[in-house]
Amino acid sequence: MDTVRFIKSFSKGQITIPKEFRKAIGVRDNFWLKLTIKSGKIVAEPVEREKDKKAYSQKLMTIKGKWFSLNEFREARKAVEKKLDKLHGQNPA
């Protein structure tokens, strides 16, 4: 793929993957990525989703690495929602 985009991260390094990139690799909403560092670059690979939810859950549990805690997830979500509210003028502070 020859598409290049520059994106800015949110707090705690969160990024949004552009729609054309998601479409190019065949992922929809609510997907998982496997991140690795190779030669100083971040490589993101989609984790194929199983049709069977139980099999998918079991596959996710085999992933090695650090998971977000529930509190980290909630704090990250609050930060993103606050930024979105600000962007849409709902919270001018």
C-alpha atoms as a PDB file:
ATOM      1  CA  MET A   1       0.000   0.000   0.000  1.00  0.00           C
ATOM      2  CA  ASP A   2       1.355   3.418  -0.918  1.00  0.00           C
ATOM      3  CA  THR A   3      -0.983   5.417   1.319  1.00  0.00           C
ATOM      4  CA  VAL A   4       0.802   7.605   3.866  1.00  0.00           C
ATOM      5  CA  ARG A   5      -0.929   9.570   6.625  1.00  0.00           C
ATOM      6  CA  PHE A   6       0.435  11.524   9.553  1.00  0.00           C
ATOM      7  CA  ILE A   7      -1.590  11.196  12.726  1.00  0.00           C
ATOM      8  CA  LYS A   8      -1.284  12.653  16.206  1.00  0.00           C
ATOM      9  CA  SER A   9      -1.688  10.541  19.308  1.00  0.00           C
ATOM     10  CA  PHE A  10      -4.090  11.293  22.141  1.00  0.00           C
ATOM     11  CA  SER A  11      -3.081  11.126  25.778  1.00  0.00           C
ATOM     12  CA  LYS A  12      -1.295   7.928  26.810  1.00  0.00           C
ATOM     13  CA  GLY A  13      -0.293   7.301  23.180  1.00  0.00           C
ATOM     14  CA  GLN A  14      -3.723   6.368  21.833  1.00  0.00           C
ATOM     15  CA  ILE A  15      -4.158   6.757  18.082  1.00  0.00           C
ATOM     16  CA  THR A  16      -6.959   6.463  15.554  1.00  0.00           C
ATOM     17  CA  ILE A  17      -6.261   4.260  12.573  1.00  0.00           C
ATOM     18  CA  PRO A  18      -7.597   6.042   9.461  1.00  0.00           C
ATOM     19  CA  LYS A  19     -10.621   4.464   7.787  1.00  0.00           C
ATOM     20  CA  GLU A  20      -8.805   3.782   4.503  1.00  0.00           C
ATOM     21  CA  PHE A  21      -6.121   1.840   6.406  1.00  0.00           C
ATOM     22  CA  ARG A  22      -8.718  -0.231   8.274  1.00  0.00           C
ATOM     23  CA  LYS A  23     -10.536  -0.932   5.023  1.00  0.00           C
ATOM     24  CA  ALA A  24      -7.287  -1.906   3.262  1.00  0.00           C
ATOM     25  CA  ILE A  25      -6.484  -4.571   5.862  1.00  0.00           C
ATOM     26  CA  GLY A  26     -10.094  -5.727   6.181  1.00  0.00           C
ATOM     27  CA  VAL A  27     -10.919  -4.790   9.761  1.00  0.00           C
ATOM     28  CA  ARG A  28     -14.189  -3.335  10.975  1.00  0.00           C
ATOM     29  CA  ASP A  29     -15.243  -1.758  14.263  1.00  0.00           C
ATOM     30  CA  ASN A  30     -14.148  -3.417  17.484  1.00  0.00           C
ATOM     31  CA  PHE A  31     -11.031  -5.254  16.358  1.00  0.00           C
ATOM     32  CA  TRP A  32      -7.789  -6.350  18.015  1.00  0.00           C
ATOM     33  CA  LEU A  33      -4.252  -5.613  16.833  1.00  0.00           C
ATOM     34  CA  LYS A  34      -1.026  -7.408  17.657  1.00  0.00           C
ATOM     35  CA  LEU A  35       1.712  -4.785  18.111  1.00  0.00           C
ATOM     36  CA  THR A  36       5.402  -5.565  17.768  1.00  0.00           C
ATOM     37  CA  ILE A  37       8.543  -3.489  17.444  1.00  0.00           C
ATOM     38  CA  LYS A  38      10.812  -4.464  14.555  1.00  0.00           C
ATOM     39  CA  SER A  39      13.926  -2.493  13.641  1.00  0.00           C
ATOM     40  CA  GLY A  40      12.701   0.508  15.629  1.00  0.00           C
ATOM     41  CA  LYS A  41       9.276   0.560  13.931  1.00  0.00           C
ATOM     42  CA  ILE A  42       5.845  -0.275  15.310  1.00  0.00           C
ATOM     43  CA  VAL A  43       4.189  -3.077  13.354  1.00  0.00           C
ATOM     44  CA  ALA A  44       0.441  -3.579  13.814  1.00  0.00           C
ATOM     45  CA  GLU A  45      -1.188  -6.786  12.607  1.00  0.00           C
ATOM     46  CA  PRO A  46      -4.911  -7.532  12.881  1.00  0.00           C
ATOM     47  CA  VAL A  47      -5.871 -10.534  14.993  1.00  0.00           C
ATOM     48  CA  GLU A  48      -8.318 -12.622  13.011  1.00  0.00           C
ATOM     49  CA  ARG A  49     -11.622 -12.931  14.754  1.00  0.00           C
ATOM     50  CA  GLU A  50     -13.169 -16.330  15.219  1.00  0.00           C
ATOM     51  CA  LYS A  51     -16.845 -16.723  14.321  1.00  0.00           C
ATOM     52  CA  ASP A  52     -17.367 -18.601  17.573  1.00  0.00           C
ATOM     53  CA  LYS A  53     -17.203 -16.087  20.470  1.00  0.00           C
ATOM     54  CA  LYS A  54     -15.831 -18.679  22.893  1.00  0.00           C
ATOM     55  CA  ALA A  55     -13.022 -19.619  20.480  1.00  0.00           C
ATOM     56  CA  TYR A  56     -12.280 -15.924  19.938  1.00  0.00           C
ATOM     57  CA  SER A  57     -12.071 -15.308  23.694  1.00  0.00           C
ATOM     58  CA  GLN A  58      -9.733 -18.264  24.104  1.00  0.00           C
ATOM     59  CA  LYS A  59      -7.540 -16.978  21.267  1.00  0.00           C
ATOM     60  CA  LEU A  60      -7.300 -13.534  22.913  1.00  0.00           C
ATOM     61  CA  MET A  61      -6.275 -15.122  26.211  1.00  0.00           C
ATOM     62  CA  THR A  62      -3.222 -16.659  24.508  1.00  0.00           C
ATOM     63  CA  ILE A  63      -1.834 -13.225  23.603  1.00  0.00           C
ATOM     64  CA  LYS A  64       1.271 -12.466  25.612  1.00  0.00           C
ATOM     65  CA  GLY A  65       1.891  -8.928  26.832  1.00  0.00           C
ATOM     66  CA  LYS A  66       0.508  -6.313  29.147  1.00  0.00           C
ATOM     67  CA  TRP A  67      -3.237  -5.688  29.159  1.00  0.00           C
ATOM     68  CA  PHE A  68      -4.923  -2.461  30.207  1.00  0.00           C
ATOM     69  CA  SER A  69      -6.429  -2.606  33.660  1.00  0.00           C
ATOM     70  CA  LEU A  70     -10.094  -1.691  33.962  1.00  0.00           C
ATOM     71  CA  ASN A  71      -9.146   1.633  35.606  1.00  0.00           C
ATOM     72  CA  GLU A  72      -6.652   2.463  32.821  1.00  0.00           C
ATOM     73  CA  PHE A  73      -9.329   1.720  30.234  1.00  0.00           C
ATOM     74  CA  ARG A  74     -11.908   3.899  32.029  1.00  0.00           C
ATOM     75  CA  GLU A  75      -9.453   6.794  32.408  1.00  0.00           C
ATOM     76  CA  ALA A  76      -8.436   6.595  28.755  1.00  0.00           C
ATOM     77  CA  ARG A  77     -12.084   6.559  27.692  1.00  0.00           C
ATOM     78  CA  LYS A  78     -12.875   9.595  29.875  1.00  0.00           C
ATOM     79  CA  ALA A  79      -9.948  11.488  28.350  1.00  0.00           C
ATOM     80  CA  VAL A  80     -11.080  10.717  24.799  1.00  0.00           C
ATOM     81  CA  GLU A  81     -14.707  11.636  25.576  1.00  0.00           C
ATOM     82  CA  LYS A  82     -13.555  14.922  27.124  1.00  0.00           C
ATOM     83  CA  LYS A  83     -11.531  15.776  24.009  1.00  0.00           C
ATOM     84  CA  LEU A  84     -14.453  14.888  21.757  1.00  0.00           C
ATOM     85  CA  ASP A  85     -16.836  17.035  23.825  1.00  0.00           C
ATOM     86  CA  LYS A  86     -14.368  19.906  23.549  1.00  0.00           C
ATOM     87  CA  LEU A  87     -14.084  19.451  19.784  1.00  0.00           C
ATOM     88  CA  HIS A  88     -17.855  19.491  19.395  1.00  0.00           C
ATOM     89  CA  GLY A  89     -18.275  22.551  21.636  1.00  0.00           C
ATOM     90  CA  GLN A  90     -20.179  20.742  24.367  1.00  0.00           C
ATOM     91  CA  ASN A  91     -17.578  21.476  27.019  1.00  0.00           C
ATOM     92  CA  PRO A  92     -15.794  24.756  26.215  1.00  0.00           C
ATOM     93  CA  ALA A  93     -13.575  24.579  29.348  1.00  0.00           C
END
